[in-house]
Amino acid sequence: MPLIYKICPRELWREAEASGRFSGAPVDAADGFIHFSTGAQVPETAARHFVGQRDLLLVAVEAEALGDALRFEPSRGGDLFPHLYADLPLSAVRSVAELPLGADGRHVFPVEIGA
């Protein structure tokens, strides 16, 4: 399985690093799972849910390391989105990158995302 991505406010991610676990953002807690996106989905996720937000991080996670707690379920337009029904083990995280805003107000993704 490829990498999946979580857009996360820096402060929330720093709390996860300090505690050794990530239980998700408030929207994740409300929905009962941690929302992720594939590489192809994450630019649209940013455009829909994080417009104009600064101080965000893009957390890349090895999907295979999440086991049966990770499910790909229909969401936006019928696309299958990765949802994690457990805390995210930090051992599954492969990278954490800045997600800055460009001059046009859209987030600038790392080259490997292709956005």
N, C-alpha and C. Protein backbone atom coordinates (compact mmCIF):
# COMPACT_ATOMS: atom_id res chain seq x y z
N MET A 1 0.84 -1.19 0.00
CA MET A 1 0.00 0.00 0.00
C MET A 1 0.88 1.24 0.00
N PRO A 2 0.41 2.27 -0.65
CA PRO A 2 1.18 3.53 -0.70
C PRO A 2 1.04 4.33 0.59
N LEU A 3 1.59 5.52 0.54
CA LEU A 3 1.44 6.43 1.67
C LEU A 3 0.07 7.08 1.64
N ILE A 4 -0.45 7.40 2.84
CA ILE A 4 -1.65 8.21 2.97
C ILE A 4 -1.27 9.44 3.77
N TYR A 5 -2.11 10.46 3.73
CA TYR A 5 -1.73 11.76 4.27
C TYR A 5 -2.78 12.34 5.21
N LYS A 6 -2.27 13.01 6.23
CA LYS A 6 -3.11 13.74 7.18
C LYS A 6 -2.63 15.19 7.19
N ILE A 7 -3.54 16.12 6.96
CA ILE A 7 -3.23 17.54 7.13
C ILE A 7 -3.55 17.88 8.58
N CYS A 8 -2.58 18.46 9.25
CA CYS A 8 -2.72 18.64 10.70
C CYS A 8 -2.16 19.99 11.13
N PRO A 9 -2.89 20.72 11.97
CA PRO A 9 -2.33 21.94 12.55
C PRO A 9 -1.04 21.61 13.32
N ARG A 10 -0.05 22.44 13.17
CA ARG A 10 1.25 22.21 13.81
C ARG A 10 1.13 21.95 15.31
N GLU A 11 0.35 22.76 15.99
CA GLU A 11 0.23 22.63 17.45
C GLU A 11 -0.33 21.26 17.84
N LEU A 12 -1.33 20.81 17.12
CA LEU A 12 -1.94 19.50 17.39
C LEU A 12 -0.93 18.37 17.16
N TRP A 13 -0.14 18.49 16.09
CA TRP A 13 0.87 17.46 15.82
C TRP A 13 1.97 17.48 16.88
N ARG A 14 2.37 18.64 17.32
CA ARG A 14 3.41 18.73 18.36
C ARG A 14 2.92 18.08 19.66
N GLU A 15 1.63 18.24 19.96
CA GLU A 15 1.05 17.57 21.13
C GLU A 15 1.13 16.05 20.96
N ALA A 16 0.86 15.58 19.76
CA ALA A 16 0.94 14.14 19.49
C ALA A 16 2.37 13.64 19.67
N GLU A 17 3.33 14.38 19.17
CA GLU A 17 4.73 13.98 19.33
C GLU A 17 5.13 13.94 20.80
N ALA A 18 4.64 14.89 21.56
CA ALA A 18 4.97 14.94 22.99
C ALA A 18 4.34 13.78 23.76
N SER A 19 3.12 13.40 23.37
CA SER A 19 2.42 12.33 24.10
C SER A 19 2.72 10.95 23.54
N GLY A 20 3.26 10.90 22.31
CA GLY A 20 3.58 9.62 21.70
C GLY A 20 2.42 8.97 20.96
N ARG A 21 1.30 9.71 20.82
CA ARG A 21 0.15 9.17 20.09
C ARG A 21 -0.66 10.30 19.47
N PHE A 22 -1.34 9.98 18.39
CA PHE A 22 -2.20 10.94 17.72
C PHE A 22 -3.60 10.36 17.66
N SER A 23 -4.52 11.01 18.34
CA SER A 23 -5.90 10.55 18.39
C SER A 23 -6.79 11.28 17.40
N GLY A 24 -6.22 12.22 16.66
CA GLY A 24 -6.97 12.95 15.65
C GLY A 24 -7.34 14.36 16.07
N ALA A 25 -7.90 15.07 15.12
CA ALA A 25 -8.39 16.43 15.34
C ALA A 25 -9.83 16.36 15.84
N PRO A 26 -10.40 17.48 16.29
CA PRO A 26 -11.78 17.46 16.76
C PRO A 26 -12.77 16.87 15.75
N VAL A 27 -12.60 17.14 14.46
CA VAL A 27 -13.50 16.57 13.45
C VAL A 27 -13.38 15.05 13.41
N ASP A 28 -12.18 14.54 13.64
CA ASP A 28 -11.97 13.09 13.66
C ASP A 28 -12.71 12.47 14.85
N ALA A 29 -12.57 13.09 16.01
CA ALA A 29 -13.25 12.59 17.21
C ALA A 29 -14.77 12.59 17.01
N ALA A 30 -15.28 13.63 16.38
CA ALA A 30 -16.72 13.73 16.14
C ALA A 30 -17.21 12.63 15.19
N ASP A 31 -16.37 12.27 14.21
CA ASP A 31 -16.77 11.28 13.21
C ASP A 31 -16.44 9.84 13.63
N GLY A 32 -15.62 9.67 14.65
CA GLY A 32 -15.30 8.34 15.14
C GLY A 32 -14.14 7.65 14.44
N PHE A 33 -13.41 8.39 13.63
CA PHE A 33 -12.23 7.86 12.95
C PHE A 33 -11.33 9.01 12.54
N ILE A 34 -10.06 8.71 12.24
CA ILE A 34 -9.13 9.73 11.78
C ILE A 34 -9.20 9.77 10.25
N HIS A 35 -9.50 10.95 9.73
CA HIS A 35 -9.58 11.17 8.28
C HIS A 35 -8.18 11.25 7.67
N PHE A 36 -7.98 10.53 6.58
CA PHE A 36 -6.76 10.63 5.78
C PHE A 36 -7.17 10.84 4.34
N SER A 37 -6.19 11.14 3.51
CA SER A 37 -6.39 11.25 2.06
C SER A 37 -5.25 10.53 1.37
N THR A 38 -5.51 10.05 0.16
CA THR A 38 -4.43 9.52 -0.66
C THR A 38 -3.67 10.71 -1.24
N GLY A 39 -2.56 10.43 -1.89
CA GLY A 39 -1.80 11.50 -2.53
C GLY A 39 -2.60 12.24 -3.57
N ALA A 40 -3.45 11.53 -4.30
CA ALA A 40 -4.29 12.15 -5.32
C ALA A 40 -5.40 13.00 -4.71
N GLN A 41 -5.84 12.65 -3.50
CA GLN A 41 -6.98 13.33 -2.87
C GLN A 41 -6.58 14.52 -2.00
N VAL A 42 -5.36 14.52 -1.49
CA VAL A 42 -5.01 15.50 -0.45
C VAL A 42 -5.04 16.96 -0.93
N PRO A 43 -4.69 17.29 -2.18
CA PRO A 43 -4.84 18.71 -2.59
C PRO A 43 -6.28 19.21 -2.51
N GLU A 44 -7.23 18.37 -2.93
CA GLU A 44 -8.64 18.78 -2.85
C GLU A 44 -9.11 18.87 -1.40
N THR A 45 -8.61 17.96 -0.56
CA THR A 45 -8.94 18.02 0.87
C THR A 45 -8.49 19.36 1.44
N ALA A 46 -7.29 19.77 1.11
CA ALA A 46 -6.77 21.06 1.59
C ALA A 46 -7.64 22.20 1.08
N ALA A 47 -7.99 22.16 -0.20
CA ALA A 47 -8.79 23.24 -0.80
C ALA A 47 -10.19 23.31 -0.20
N ARG A 48 -10.75 22.18 0.20
CA ARG A 48 -12.11 22.16 0.75
C ARG A 48 -12.18 22.47 2.24
N HIS A 49 -11.21 21.96 2.99
CA HIS A 49 -11.32 22.00 4.45
C HIS A 49 -10.29 22.87 5.17
N PHE A 50 -9.28 23.36 4.45
CA PHE A 50 -8.20 24.11 5.10
C PHE A 50 -7.88 25.41 4.37
N VAL A 51 -8.85 25.95 3.66
CA VAL A 51 -8.64 27.17 2.86
C VAL A 51 -8.04 28.28 3.71
N GLY A 52 -6.92 28.82 3.24
CA GLY A 52 -6.29 29.96 3.89
C GLY A 52 -5.63 29.68 5.23
N GLN A 53 -5.66 28.46 5.71
CA GLN A 53 -5.07 28.15 7.01
C GLN A 53 -3.56 28.03 6.91
N ARG A 54 -2.91 28.66 7.84
CA ARG A 54 -1.45 28.62 7.93
C ARG A 54 -1.05 27.67 9.05
N ASP A 55 0.24 27.44 9.13
CA ASP A 55 0.81 26.64 10.21
C ASP A 55 0.29 25.20 10.19
N LEU A 56 0.19 24.64 8.98
CA LEU A 56 -0.25 23.26 8.82
C LEU A 56 0.94 22.37 8.47
N LEU A 57 0.81 21.10 8.81
CA LEU A 57 1.80 20.10 8.46
C LEU A 57 1.12 19.02 7.63
N LEU A 58 1.90 18.40 6.75
CA LEU A 58 1.44 17.27 5.97
C LEU A 58 2.16 16.04 6.51
N VAL A 59 1.39 15.16 7.12
CA VAL A 59 1.94 13.95 7.75
C VAL A 59 1.73 12.78 6.79
N ALA A 60 2.83 12.15 6.37
CA ALA A 60 2.78 11.00 5.48
C ALA A 60 2.88 9.73 6.32
N VAL A 61 1.95 8.81 6.08
CA VAL A 61 1.82 7.61 6.89
C VAL A 61 1.85 6.37 5.99
N GLU A 62 2.56 5.35 6.43
CA GLU A 62 2.59 4.08 5.71
C GLU A 62 1.28 3.33 5.99
N ALA A 63 0.43 3.26 4.98
CA ALA A 63 -0.90 2.68 5.16
C ALA A 63 -0.83 1.23 5.64
N GLU A 64 0.08 0.46 5.09
CA GLU A 64 0.17 -0.96 5.44
C GLU A 64 0.45 -1.18 6.93
N ALA A 65 1.14 -0.24 7.55
CA ALA A 65 1.50 -0.36 8.97
C ALA A 65 0.28 -0.22 9.89
N LEU A 66 -0.85 0.21 9.36
CA LEU A 66 -2.04 0.47 10.18
C LEU A 66 -2.95 -0.74 10.32
N GLY A 67 -2.70 -1.76 9.52
CA GLY A 67 -3.45 -3.01 9.65
C GLY A 67 -4.94 -2.87 9.39
N ASP A 68 -5.71 -3.70 10.09
CA ASP A 68 -7.16 -3.76 9.88
C ASP A 68 -7.92 -2.54 10.38
N ALA A 69 -7.26 -1.69 11.16
CA ALA A 69 -7.93 -0.49 11.66
C ALA A 69 -8.12 0.55 10.56
N LEU A 70 -7.40 0.38 9.43
CA LEU A 70 -7.53 1.30 8.29
C LEU A 70 -8.52 0.72 7.30
N ARG A 71 -9.52 1.54 6.95
CA ARG A 71 -10.53 1.12 5.98
C ARG A 71 -10.67 2.20 4.92
N PHE A 72 -10.79 1.78 3.68
CA PHE A 72 -11.06 2.71 2.59
C PHE A 72 -12.57 2.71 2.38
N GLU A 73 -13.20 3.87 2.62
CA GLU A 73 -14.66 3.96 2.60
C GLU A 73 -15.12 5.09 1.68
N PRO A 74 -16.30 4.93 1.09
CA PRO A 74 -16.83 5.97 0.18
C PRO A 74 -17.04 7.30 0.93
N SER A 75 -16.68 8.36 0.25
CA SER A 75 -16.88 9.70 0.80
C SER A 75 -17.17 10.61 -0.38
N ARG A 76 -16.52 11.76 -0.41
CA ARG A 76 -16.72 12.78 -1.43
C ARG A 76 -16.86 12.19 -2.84
N GLY A 77 -18.00 12.35 -3.46
CA GLY A 77 -18.20 11.91 -4.83
C GLY A 77 -18.06 10.41 -5.03
N GLY A 78 -18.16 9.64 -3.95
CA GLY A 78 -18.03 8.19 -4.07
C GLY A 78 -16.60 7.69 -4.02
N ASP A 79 -15.61 8.60 -3.99
CA ASP A 79 -14.21 8.18 -3.88
C ASP A 79 -14.00 7.44 -2.57
N LEU A 80 -13.09 6.48 -2.58
CA LEU A 80 -12.74 5.76 -1.36
C LEU A 80 -11.63 6.51 -0.63
N PHE A 81 -11.93 6.91 0.60
CA PHE A 81 -10.97 7.64 1.43
C PHE A 81 -10.50 6.75 2.56
N PRO A 82 -9.23 6.88 2.96
CA PRO A 82 -8.72 6.09 4.08
C PRO A 82 -9.19 6.68 5.42
N HIS A 83 -9.77 5.81 6.24
CA HIS A 83 -10.23 6.19 7.58
C HIS A 83 -9.60 5.24 8.58
N LEU A 84 -9.02 5.79 9.63
CA LEU A 84 -8.36 4.98 10.65
C LEU A 84 -9.22 4.92 11.91
N TYR A 85 -9.63 3.72 12.27
CA TYR A 85 -10.47 3.50 13.44
C TYR A 85 -9.62 3.10 14.64
N ALA A 86 -8.63 3.91 14.94
CA ALA A 86 -7.72 3.71 16.07
C ALA A 86 -6.85 4.95 16.16
N ASP A 87 -6.07 5.05 17.24
CA ASP A 87 -5.07 6.10 17.29
C ASP A 87 -4.01 5.81 16.24
N LEU A 88 -3.39 6.85 15.73
CA LEU A 88 -2.30 6.69 14.78
C LEU A 88 -1.01 6.40 15.54
N PRO A 89 -0.42 5.23 15.32
CA PRO A 89 0.88 4.97 15.96
C PRO A 89 1.96 5.80 15.25
N LEU A 90 2.71 6.55 16.01
CA LEU A 90 3.71 7.42 15.40
C LEU A 90 4.78 6.63 14.65
N SER A 91 4.91 5.35 14.95
CA SER A 91 5.87 4.49 14.25
C SER A 91 5.49 4.31 12.78
N ALA A 92 4.24 4.56 12.41
CA ALA A 92 3.79 4.44 11.02
C ALA A 92 4.05 5.70 10.20
N VAL A 93 4.45 6.78 10.86
CA VAL A 93 4.69 8.06 10.18
C VAL A 93 6.03 8.00 9.45
N ARG A 94 6.02 8.33 8.17
CA ARG A 94 7.24 8.31 7.36
C ARG A 94 7.85 9.68 7.19
N SER A 95 7.03 10.73 7.22
CA SER A 95 7.58 12.09 7.13
C SER A 95 6.54 13.10 7.60
N VAL A 96 7.04 14.24 8.00
CA VAL A 96 6.19 15.38 8.38
C VAL A 96 6.79 16.59 7.67
N ALA A 97 5.99 17.24 6.83
CA ALA A 97 6.48 18.37 6.04
C ALA A 97 5.61 19.60 6.26
N GLU A 98 6.22 20.75 6.09
CA GLU A 98 5.48 22.01 6.13
C GLU A 98 4.47 22.02 4.98
N LEU A 99 3.33 22.66 5.20
CA LEU A 99 2.33 22.82 4.14
C LEU A 99 2.01 24.32 4.03
N PRO A 100 2.94 25.06 3.42
CA PRO A 100 2.78 26.52 3.37
C PRO A 100 1.73 26.96 2.35
N LEU A 101 1.29 28.20 2.52
CA LEU A 101 0.40 28.82 1.55
C LEU A 101 1.24 29.49 0.48
N GLY A 102 0.84 29.32 -0.78
CA GLY A 102 1.51 30.00 -1.88
C GLY A 102 0.97 31.40 -2.05
N ALA A 103 1.55 32.13 -2.97
CA ALA A 103 1.12 33.51 -3.24
C ALA A 103 -0.34 33.57 -3.67
N ASP A 104 -0.84 32.47 -4.27
CA ASP A 104 -2.23 32.44 -4.72
C ASP A 104 -3.20 32.03 -3.62
N GLY A 105 -2.68 31.79 -2.39
CA GLY A 105 -3.52 31.43 -1.27
C GLY A 105 -3.82 29.94 -1.16
N ARG A 106 -3.28 29.15 -2.11
CA ARG A 106 -3.47 27.70 -2.07
C ARG A 106 -2.23 27.07 -1.42
N HIS A 107 -2.43 25.92 -0.81
CA HIS A 107 -1.31 25.25 -0.16
C HIS A 107 -0.34 24.69 -1.19
N VAL A 108 0.93 24.74 -0.84
CA VAL A 108 2.00 24.25 -1.71
C VAL A 108 2.44 22.89 -1.19
N PHE A 109 2.22 21.86 -2.01
CA PHE A 109 2.53 20.50 -1.61
C PHE A 109 3.93 20.09 -2.04
N PRO A 110 4.50 19.14 -1.31
CA PRO A 110 5.81 18.60 -1.73
C PRO A 110 5.71 18.03 -3.15
N VAL A 111 6.79 18.02 -3.86
CA VAL A 111 6.83 17.57 -5.26
C VAL A 111 6.25 16.17 -5.43
N GLU A 112 6.51 15.27 -4.47
CA GLU A 112 6.05 13.89 -4.62
C GLU A 112 4.52 13.77 -4.64
N ILE A 113 3.81 14.77 -4.16
CA ILE A 113 2.34 14.77 -4.20
C ILE A 113 1.87 15.12 -5.60
N GLY A 114 2.61 15.97 -6.28
CA GLY A 114 2.26 16.33 -7.64
C GLY A 114 1.13 17.32 -7.78
N ALA A 115 0.90 18.10 -6.72
CA ALA A 115 -0.21 19.08 -6.78
C ALA A 115 0.27 20.40 -7.34
